[in-house]
Amino acid sequence: MDIKQVQELIRFVSKSGVNEVSIEEKDFKITIKTNQAPTYINATVPAPVMPAAAAPQPAAVAQPVAEVKAPAAVAQPVENANYITIKSPMIGTFYRSASPDKPSFVNVGDEVKAGQVICIIEAMKLFNEIESEVSGRIVKVLVENSSPVEYDQPLFLVEPA
């Protein structure tokens, strides 16, 4: 089983919702387990109801407004609709370079071509080179070096060429 097959298997397990997959061949064995907890998003803000009952507390009103504005900052890439987002094809640890003493594969402002290695994601002790699917200019790196990434998490914003 080669790296591409392992990556596709990881993608399949992530998308299908299966908790565990084991494959055993003559000289190769792989087990993929997911421990993903469900993600809950609380879209309602109960705090505005409280100020209506207790009107003399303007400080309580200011705090929920700040909470409502925070998710709006997360939606900022929507404004950049002309940019293409390169997403993580797997769960693992994101690295911008091949080793700590090597330069980054790409930096903001660099031109990339389809098929060019842009980062590495370590998954199950395997270092997977992630290639750009588009040609263009790197506008923003969305993940810190050596940080964990999830499947389909945005990694880079690219302005297409």
N, C-alpha and C. Protein backbone atom coordinates (compact mmCIF):
# COMPACT_ATOMS: atom_id res chain seq x y z
N MET A 1 0.86 -1.17 0.00
CA MET A 1 0.00 0.00 0.00
C MET A 1 0.90 1.23 0.00
N ASP A 2 0.69 2.13 -0.94
CA ASP A 2 1.54 3.33 -1.02
C ASP A 2 0.89 4.50 -0.27
N ILE A 3 1.61 5.61 -0.21
CA ILE A 3 1.16 6.79 0.53
C ILE A 3 -0.18 7.30 0.02
N LYS A 4 -0.36 7.36 -1.28
CA LYS A 4 -1.61 7.86 -1.85
C LYS A 4 -2.80 7.01 -1.40
N GLN A 5 -2.60 5.69 -1.37
CA GLN A 5 -3.68 4.81 -0.93
C GLN A 5 -3.98 5.02 0.56
N VAL A 6 -2.95 5.24 1.37
CA VAL A 6 -3.16 5.50 2.79
C VAL A 6 -3.92 6.82 2.96
N GLN A 7 -3.53 7.84 2.20
CA GLN A 7 -4.21 9.14 2.28
C GLN A 7 -5.68 9.00 1.90
N GLU A 8 -5.96 8.25 0.83
CA GLU A 8 -7.34 8.06 0.41
C GLU A 8 -8.13 7.28 1.45
N LEU A 9 -7.50 6.31 2.08
CA LEU A 9 -8.15 5.55 3.13
C LEU A 9 -8.49 6.46 4.32
N ILE A 10 -7.57 7.33 4.68
CA ILE A 10 -7.83 8.28 5.78
C ILE A 10 -8.98 9.20 5.41
N ARG A 11 -9.01 9.68 4.17
CA ARG A 11 -10.12 10.54 3.72
C ARG A 11 -11.45 9.79 3.81
N PHE A 12 -11.44 8.53 3.36
CA PHE A 12 -12.65 7.73 3.38
C PHE A 12 -13.16 7.56 4.81
N VAL A 13 -12.25 7.22 5.72
CA VAL A 13 -12.65 7.01 7.11
C VAL A 13 -13.20 8.32 7.70
N SER A 14 -12.57 9.45 7.38
CA SER A 14 -13.02 10.73 7.90
C SER A 14 -14.41 11.08 7.40
N LYS A 15 -14.68 10.83 6.12
CA LYS A 15 -15.97 11.19 5.53
C LYS A 15 -17.08 10.22 5.91
N SER A 16 -16.75 8.95 6.06
CA SER A 16 -17.79 7.94 6.24
C SER A 16 -18.37 7.89 7.64
N GLY A 17 -17.63 8.40 8.61
CA GLY A 17 -18.12 8.35 9.98
C GLY A 17 -17.83 7.03 10.67
N VAL A 18 -17.08 6.15 10.02
CA VAL A 18 -16.71 4.87 10.62
C VAL A 18 -15.70 5.15 11.73
N ASN A 19 -15.80 4.42 12.84
CA ASN A 19 -14.90 4.65 13.96
C ASN A 19 -13.56 3.95 13.82
N GLU A 20 -13.52 2.80 13.11
CA GLU A 20 -12.27 2.06 13.00
C GLU A 20 -12.27 1.24 11.73
N VAL A 21 -11.10 1.22 11.05
CA VAL A 21 -10.91 0.41 9.86
C VAL A 21 -9.56 -0.29 10.00
N SER A 22 -9.54 -1.60 9.75
CA SER A 22 -8.29 -2.37 9.77
C SER A 22 -8.12 -3.07 8.44
N ILE A 23 -6.93 -2.98 7.89
CA ILE A 23 -6.60 -3.66 6.64
C ILE A 23 -5.32 -4.43 6.88
N GLU A 24 -5.32 -5.70 6.46
CA GLU A 24 -4.14 -6.53 6.64
C GLU A 24 -3.84 -7.23 5.33
N GLU A 25 -2.63 -7.00 4.83
CA GLU A 25 -2.16 -7.67 3.63
C GLU A 25 -0.99 -8.56 4.04
N LYS A 26 -0.34 -9.21 3.09
CA LYS A 26 0.71 -10.18 3.43
C LYS A 26 1.83 -9.60 4.30
N ASP A 27 2.33 -8.41 4.00
CA ASP A 27 3.40 -7.84 4.81
C ASP A 27 3.09 -6.42 5.28
N PHE A 28 1.80 -6.11 5.37
CA PHE A 28 1.40 -4.76 5.71
C PHE A 28 0.11 -4.81 6.51
N LYS A 29 0.06 -4.05 7.60
CA LYS A 29 -1.15 -3.97 8.41
C LYS A 29 -1.35 -2.52 8.81
N ILE A 30 -2.57 -2.02 8.67
CA ILE A 30 -2.88 -0.64 9.05
C ILE A 30 -4.24 -0.63 9.75
N THR A 31 -4.30 0.12 10.84
CA THR A 31 -5.55 0.33 11.56
C THR A 31 -5.73 1.83 11.72
N ILE A 32 -6.88 2.33 11.31
CA ILE A 32 -7.19 3.75 11.45
C ILE A 32 -8.37 3.86 12.39
N LYS A 33 -8.17 4.61 13.48
CA LYS A 33 -9.22 4.81 14.47
C LYS A 33 -9.51 6.30 14.56
N THR A 34 -10.78 6.62 14.69
CA THR A 34 -11.14 8.02 14.89
C THR A 34 -11.74 8.17 16.27
N ASN A 35 -11.36 9.23 16.93
CA ASN A 35 -11.91 9.55 18.24
C ASN A 35 -12.51 10.94 18.19
N GLN A 36 -13.22 11.22 17.14
CA GLN A 36 -13.76 12.55 16.95
C GLN A 36 -15.01 12.74 17.79
N ALA A 37 -14.97 13.74 18.64
CA ALA A 37 -16.15 14.09 19.42
C ALA A 37 -17.01 14.99 18.56
N PRO A 38 -18.32 14.92 18.71
CA PRO A 38 -19.18 15.78 17.91
C PRO A 38 -18.93 17.25 18.23
N THR A 39 -19.04 18.09 17.22
CA THR A 39 -18.85 19.52 17.39
C THR A 39 -20.22 20.18 17.50
N TYR A 40 -20.41 20.95 18.54
CA TYR A 40 -21.67 21.63 18.75
C TYR A 40 -21.45 23.12 18.58
N ILE A 41 -22.35 23.76 17.86
CA ILE A 41 -22.28 25.20 17.65
C ILE A 41 -23.52 25.81 18.27
N ASN A 42 -23.31 26.71 19.22
CA ASN A 42 -24.42 27.36 19.88
C ASN A 42 -24.69 28.67 19.14
N ALA A 43 -25.74 28.69 18.34
CA ALA A 43 -26.03 29.86 17.52
C ALA A 43 -26.89 30.87 18.25
N THR A 44 -27.47 30.51 19.37
CA THR A 44 -28.31 31.44 20.11
C THR A 44 -27.50 32.07 21.23
N VAL A 45 -27.80 33.31 21.52
CA VAL A 45 -27.14 34.02 22.60
C VAL A 45 -28.22 34.35 23.64
N PRO A 46 -28.30 33.60 24.75
CA PRO A 46 -29.35 33.83 25.72
C PRO A 46 -29.17 35.12 26.53
N ALA A 47 -28.00 35.72 26.52
CA ALA A 47 -27.73 36.90 27.33
C ALA A 47 -28.63 38.10 27.01
N PRO A 48 -29.02 38.38 25.75
CA PRO A 48 -29.88 39.53 25.50
C PRO A 48 -31.23 39.44 26.20
N VAL A 49 -31.71 38.27 26.53
CA VAL A 49 -32.98 38.14 27.25
C VAL A 49 -32.82 38.67 28.66
N MET A 50 -31.68 38.43 29.28
CA MET A 50 -31.44 38.88 30.66
C MET A 50 -31.46 40.40 30.78
N PRO A 51 -30.84 41.18 29.88
CA PRO A 51 -30.90 42.63 30.02
C PRO A 51 -32.31 43.18 29.90
N ALA A 52 -33.19 42.53 29.18
CA ALA A 52 -34.56 43.01 29.08
C ALA A 52 -35.25 42.91 30.43
N ALA A 53 -34.94 41.89 31.20
CA ALA A 53 -35.53 41.73 32.53
C ALA A 53 -34.85 42.64 33.55
N ALA A 54 -33.58 42.89 33.36
CA ALA A 54 -32.83 43.73 34.29
C ALA A 54 -32.18 44.87 33.51
N ALA A 55 -32.95 45.85 33.12
CA ALA A 55 -32.51 46.95 32.27
C ALA A 55 -31.39 47.80 32.85
N PRO A 56 -31.23 47.98 34.18
CA PRO A 56 -30.19 48.86 34.67
C PRO A 56 -28.78 48.28 34.59
N GLN A 57 -28.53 47.19 33.86
CA GLN A 57 -27.19 46.60 33.77
C GLN A 57 -26.64 46.73 32.35
N PRO A 58 -26.18 47.89 31.92
CA PRO A 58 -25.67 48.04 30.55
C PRO A 58 -24.38 47.25 30.32
N ALA A 59 -23.61 46.94 31.36
CA ALA A 59 -22.39 46.15 31.19
C ALA A 59 -22.71 44.76 30.68
N ALA A 60 -23.82 44.19 31.08
CA ALA A 60 -24.22 42.86 30.63
C ALA A 60 -24.56 42.88 29.14
N VAL A 61 -25.03 44.00 28.63
CA VAL A 61 -25.36 44.10 27.21
C VAL A 61 -24.08 44.17 26.37
N ALA A 62 -23.07 44.86 26.84
CA ALA A 62 -21.83 45.00 26.08
C ALA A 62 -21.11 43.67 25.93
N GLN A 63 -21.15 42.82 26.90
CA GLN A 63 -20.44 41.54 26.84
C GLN A 63 -21.01 40.62 25.76
N PRO A 64 -22.33 40.40 25.66
CA PRO A 64 -22.85 39.54 24.59
C PRO A 64 -22.57 40.10 23.20
N VAL A 65 -22.54 41.43 23.04
CA VAL A 65 -22.25 42.00 21.74
C VAL A 65 -20.85 41.61 21.30
N ALA A 66 -19.89 41.61 22.22
CA ALA A 66 -18.52 41.20 21.89
C ALA A 66 -18.50 39.73 21.47
N GLU A 67 -19.29 38.90 22.13
CA GLU A 67 -19.35 37.48 21.78
C GLU A 67 -19.93 37.29 20.38
N VAL A 68 -20.90 38.09 20.02
CA VAL A 68 -21.51 37.97 18.69
C VAL A 68 -20.54 38.42 17.61
N LYS A 69 -19.72 39.42 17.89
CA LYS A 69 -18.77 39.90 16.89
C LYS A 69 -17.63 38.94 16.64
N ALA A 70 -17.24 38.13 17.61
CA ALA A 70 -16.12 37.20 17.45
C ALA A 70 -16.34 36.21 16.32
N PRO A 71 -17.51 35.55 16.18
CA PRO A 71 -17.70 34.65 15.05
C PRO A 71 -17.66 35.37 13.70
N ALA A 72 -18.00 36.65 13.65
CA ALA A 72 -17.94 37.38 12.39
C ALA A 72 -16.51 37.46 11.87
N ALA A 73 -15.54 37.53 12.77
CA ALA A 73 -14.14 37.57 12.36
C ALA A 73 -13.73 36.24 11.73
N VAL A 74 -14.31 35.15 12.17
CA VAL A 74 -14.01 33.85 11.60
C VAL A 74 -14.49 33.77 10.16
N ALA A 75 -15.57 34.46 9.84
CA ALA A 75 -16.15 34.41 8.50
C ALA A 75 -15.45 35.34 7.52
N GLN A 76 -14.35 35.94 7.91
CA GLN A 76 -13.64 36.91 7.08
C GLN A 76 -13.23 36.37 5.71
N PRO A 77 -12.75 35.10 5.56
CA PRO A 77 -12.36 34.63 4.24
C PRO A 77 -13.48 34.66 3.21
N VAL A 78 -14.75 34.73 3.63
CA VAL A 78 -15.85 34.80 2.69
C VAL A 78 -15.75 36.08 1.86
N GLU A 79 -15.24 37.15 2.49
CA GLU A 79 -15.07 38.41 1.76
C GLU A 79 -14.09 38.25 0.60
N ASN A 80 -13.12 37.37 0.74
CA ASN A 80 -12.11 37.14 -0.28
C ASN A 80 -12.57 36.02 -1.21
N ALA A 81 -13.72 36.20 -1.84
CA ALA A 81 -14.32 35.15 -2.66
C ALA A 81 -13.46 34.82 -3.88
N ASN A 82 -12.57 35.72 -4.29
CA ASN A 82 -11.74 35.44 -5.46
C ASN A 82 -10.51 34.59 -5.10
N TYR A 83 -10.33 34.26 -3.82
CA TYR A 83 -9.22 33.41 -3.40
C TYR A 83 -9.66 31.96 -3.34
N ILE A 84 -8.72 31.07 -3.59
CA ILE A 84 -8.97 29.63 -3.48
C ILE A 84 -8.33 29.15 -2.19
N THR A 85 -9.06 28.34 -1.44
CA THR A 85 -8.56 27.81 -0.18
C THR A 85 -8.00 26.41 -0.42
N ILE A 86 -6.75 26.21 -0.01
CA ILE A 86 -6.16 24.87 -0.05
C ILE A 86 -6.41 24.27 1.33
N LYS A 87 -7.07 23.11 1.35
CA LYS A 87 -7.48 22.48 2.60
C LYS A 87 -6.66 21.23 2.88
N SER A 88 -6.63 20.86 4.14
CA SER A 88 -5.89 19.66 4.56
C SER A 88 -6.61 18.40 4.07
N PRO A 89 -5.88 17.50 3.42
CA PRO A 89 -6.50 16.26 2.95
C PRO A 89 -6.56 15.20 4.04
N MET A 90 -6.06 15.51 5.25
CA MET A 90 -6.02 14.50 6.31
C MET A 90 -5.86 15.16 7.67
N ILE A 91 -6.00 14.35 8.69
CA ILE A 91 -5.75 14.78 10.06
C ILE A 91 -4.27 14.54 10.36
N GLY A 92 -3.63 15.48 11.03
CA GLY A 92 -2.22 15.28 11.36
C GLY A 92 -1.60 16.55 11.91
N THR A 93 -0.28 16.63 11.81
CA THR A 93 0.46 17.80 12.27
C THR A 93 1.04 18.52 11.05
N PHE A 94 0.78 19.81 10.97
CA PHE A 94 1.16 20.66 9.83
C PHE A 94 2.59 21.17 10.01
N TYR A 95 3.40 21.01 8.96
CA TYR A 95 4.76 21.55 8.96
C TYR A 95 4.97 22.35 7.68
N ARG A 96 5.56 23.54 7.82
CA ARG A 96 5.81 24.40 6.66
C ARG A 96 7.09 24.04 5.94
N SER A 97 7.99 23.27 6.59
CA SER A 97 9.26 22.91 5.97
C SER A 97 9.57 21.44 6.23
N ALA A 98 10.55 20.92 5.51
CA ALA A 98 10.93 19.51 5.62
C ALA A 98 11.59 19.20 6.97
N SER A 99 12.27 20.17 7.56
CA SER A 99 12.87 20.01 8.88
C SER A 99 13.04 21.41 9.47
N PRO A 100 13.27 21.51 10.78
CA PRO A 100 13.37 22.83 11.41
C PRO A 100 14.46 23.73 10.83
N ASP A 101 15.54 23.15 10.30
CA ASP A 101 16.63 23.96 9.77
C ASP A 101 16.49 24.26 8.28
N LYS A 102 15.43 23.77 7.65
CA LYS A 102 15.20 24.02 6.22
C LYS A 102 14.23 25.18 6.04
N PRO A 103 14.30 25.88 4.90
CA PRO A 103 13.35 26.98 4.66
C PRO A 103 11.94 26.43 4.39
N SER A 104 10.96 27.28 4.59
CA SER A 104 9.56 26.91 4.32
C SER A 104 9.38 26.57 2.85
N PHE A 105 8.46 25.64 2.57
CA PHE A 105 8.16 25.30 1.18
C PHE A 105 7.62 26.52 0.44
N VAL A 106 6.68 27.24 1.09
CA VAL A 106 6.12 28.45 0.49
C VAL A 106 5.92 29.50 1.58
N ASN A 107 5.97 30.76 1.16
CA ASN A 107 5.72 31.90 2.05
C ASN A 107 4.67 32.79 1.40
N VAL A 108 4.12 33.71 2.16
CA VAL A 108 3.16 34.66 1.62
C VAL A 108 3.82 35.43 0.49
N GLY A 109 3.14 35.52 -0.64
CA GLY A 109 3.67 36.22 -1.80
C GLY A 109 4.33 35.31 -2.82
N ASP A 110 4.63 34.08 -2.45
CA ASP A 110 5.27 33.14 -3.38
C ASP A 110 4.28 32.66 -4.44
N GLU A 111 4.80 32.46 -5.63
CA GLU A 111 4.01 31.88 -6.72
C GLU A 111 4.12 30.36 -6.62
N VAL A 112 2.99 29.67 -6.73
CA VAL A 112 2.98 28.21 -6.70
C VAL A 112 2.35 27.68 -7.98
N LYS A 113 2.75 26.48 -8.33
CA LYS A 113 2.19 25.81 -9.50
C LYS A 113 1.47 24.56 -9.03
N ALA A 114 0.50 24.12 -9.79
CA ALA A 114 -0.21 22.88 -9.46
C ALA A 114 0.80 21.74 -9.40
N GLY A 115 0.75 20.95 -8.33
CA GLY A 115 1.67 19.84 -8.15
C GLY A 115 2.90 20.19 -7.33
N GLN A 116 3.09 21.46 -6.99
CA GLN A 116 4.25 21.88 -6.19
C GLN A 116 3.98 21.57 -4.72
N VAL A 117 4.98 21.04 -4.01
CA VAL A 117 4.84 20.74 -2.58
C VAL A 117 4.76 22.06 -1.82
N ILE A 118 3.72 22.20 -0.98
CA ILE A 118 3.52 23.44 -0.23
C ILE A 118 3.67 23.26 1.28
N CYS A 119 3.55 22.01 1.76
CA CYS A 119 3.71 21.74 3.18
C CYS A 119 3.79 20.22 3.39
N ILE A 120 3.98 19.83 4.65
CA ILE A 120 3.99 18.42 5.02
C ILE A 120 2.98 18.24 6.15
N ILE A 121 2.25 17.15 6.09
CA ILE A 121 1.37 16.78 7.20
C ILE A 121 1.79 15.41 7.69
N GLU A 122 2.15 15.37 8.97
CA GLU A 122 2.55 14.11 9.59
C GLU A 122 1.30 13.43 10.12
N ALA A 123 1.08 12.20 9.67
CA ALA A 123 -0.06 11.42 10.14
C ALA A 123 0.41 9.99 10.37
N MET A 124 0.22 9.48 11.55
CA MET A 124 0.60 8.11 11.90
C MET A 124 2.08 7.84 11.59
N LYS A 125 2.93 8.76 11.98
CA LYS A 125 4.39 8.65 11.81
C LYS A 125 4.82 8.67 10.34
N LEU A 126 3.92 9.06 9.44
CA LEU A 126 4.26 9.21 8.02
C LEU A 126 4.23 10.69 7.68
N PHE A 127 5.25 11.16 6.98
CA PHE A 127 5.32 12.55 6.55
C PHE A 127 4.81 12.63 5.11
N ASN A 128 3.63 13.23 4.95
CA ASN A 128 2.96 13.30 3.66
C ASN A 128 3.17 14.68 3.04
N GLU A 129 3.79 14.71 1.87
CA GLU A 129 3.96 15.98 1.16
C GLU A 129 2.62 16.37 0.56
N ILE A 130 2.19 17.58 0.86
CA ILE A 130 0.92 18.09 0.33
C ILE A 130 1.25 19.00 -0.84
N GLU A 131 0.63 18.70 -1.97
CA GLU A 131 0.89 19.45 -3.19
C GLU A 131 -0.25 20.42 -3.47
N SER A 132 0.10 21.54 -4.07
CA SER A 132 -0.92 22.51 -4.45
C SER A 132 -1.76 21.95 -5.59
N GLU A 133 -3.04 22.19 -5.50
CA GLU A 133 -3.95 21.75 -6.56
C GLU A 133 -4.18 22.85 -7.59
N VAL A 134 -3.71 24.07 -7.27
CA VAL A 134 -3.93 25.22 -8.15
C VAL A 134 -2.63 25.98 -8.35
N SER A 135 -2.60 26.77 -9.40
CA SER A 135 -1.48 27.68 -9.63
C SER A 135 -1.92 29.07 -9.21
N GLY A 136 -1.00 29.81 -8.60
CA GLY A 136 -1.33 31.16 -8.16
C GLY A 136 -0.32 31.68 -7.17
N ARG A 137 -0.74 32.70 -6.41
CA ARG A 137 0.14 33.35 -5.43
C ARG A 137 -0.42 33.12 -4.03
N ILE A 138 0.44 32.71 -3.10
CA ILE A 138 0.04 32.49 -1.71
C ILE A 138 -0.30 33.86 -1.10
N VAL A 139 -1.53 34.00 -0.61
CA VAL A 139 -1.98 35.24 -0.01
C VAL A 139 -1.87 35.18 1.51
N LYS A 140 -2.17 34.00 2.07
CA LYS A 140 -2.15 33.88 3.53
C LYS A 140 -1.92 32.43 3.93
N VAL A 141 -1.12 32.24 4.97
CA VAL A 141 -0.93 30.93 5.59
C VAL A 141 -1.85 30.92 6.80
N LEU A 142 -2.79 29.98 6.84
CA LEU A 142 -3.84 29.99 7.85
C LEU A 142 -3.54 29.13 9.08
N VAL A 143 -2.41 28.40 9.07
CA VAL A 143 -2.09 27.48 10.16
C VAL A 143 -0.67 27.75 10.64
N GLU A 144 -0.47 27.69 11.94
CA GLU A 144 0.86 27.85 12.52
C GLU A 144 1.68 26.58 12.31
N ASN A 145 2.98 26.72 12.17
CA ASN A 145 3.88 25.59 12.00
C ASN A 145 3.81 24.67 13.23
N SER A 146 3.87 23.38 13.00
CA SER A 146 3.86 22.35 14.05
C SER A 146 2.55 22.28 14.82
N SER A 147 1.47 22.74 14.22
CA SER A 147 0.19 22.68 14.92
C SER A 147 -0.68 21.57 14.31
N PRO A 148 -1.59 21.01 15.11
CA PRO A 148 -2.46 19.95 14.60
C PRO A 148 -3.49 20.52 13.64
N VAL A 149 -3.83 19.74 12.62
CA VAL A 149 -4.86 20.13 11.66
C VAL A 149 -5.88 19.01 11.54
N GLU A 150 -7.09 19.38 11.18
CA GLU A 150 -8.18 18.44 10.97
C GLU A 150 -8.38 18.22 9.47
N TYR A 151 -9.09 17.18 9.14
CA TYR A 151 -9.43 16.93 7.74
C TYR A 151 -10.25 18.10 7.23
N ASP A 152 -9.94 18.59 6.04
CA ASP A 152 -10.67 19.66 5.36
C ASP A 152 -10.48 21.03 6.01
N GLN A 153 -9.50 21.17 6.91
CA GLN A 153 -9.22 22.46 7.53
C GLN A 153 -8.46 23.33 6.54
N PRO A 154 -8.85 24.60 6.37
CA PRO A 154 -8.12 25.49 5.46
C PRO A 154 -6.67 25.69 5.91
N LEU A 155 -5.73 25.57 4.95
CA LEU A 155 -4.31 25.73 5.24
C LEU A 155 -3.76 27.01 4.62
N PHE A 156 -4.11 27.28 3.36
CA PHE A 156 -3.58 28.42 2.62
C PHE A 156 -4.69 29.09 1.83
N LEU A 157 -4.54 30.41 1.63
CA LEU A 157 -5.37 31.14 0.67
C LEU A 157 -4.49 31.46 -0.52
N VAL A 158 -5.00 31.15 -1.71
CA VAL A 158 -4.23 31.33 -2.94
C VAL A 158 -5.04 32.21 -3.90
N GLU A 159 -4.36 33.22 -4.45
CA GLU A 159 -4.97 34.02 -5.50
C GLU A 159 -4.65 33.33 -6.82
N PRO A 160 -5.66 32.82 -7.52
CA PRO A 160 -5.39 32.04 -8.73
C PRO A 160 -4.69 32.86 -9.81
N ALA A 161 -3.84 32.18 -10.57
CA ALA A 161 -3.10 32.86 -11.64
C ALA A 161 -3.94 32.95 -12.90
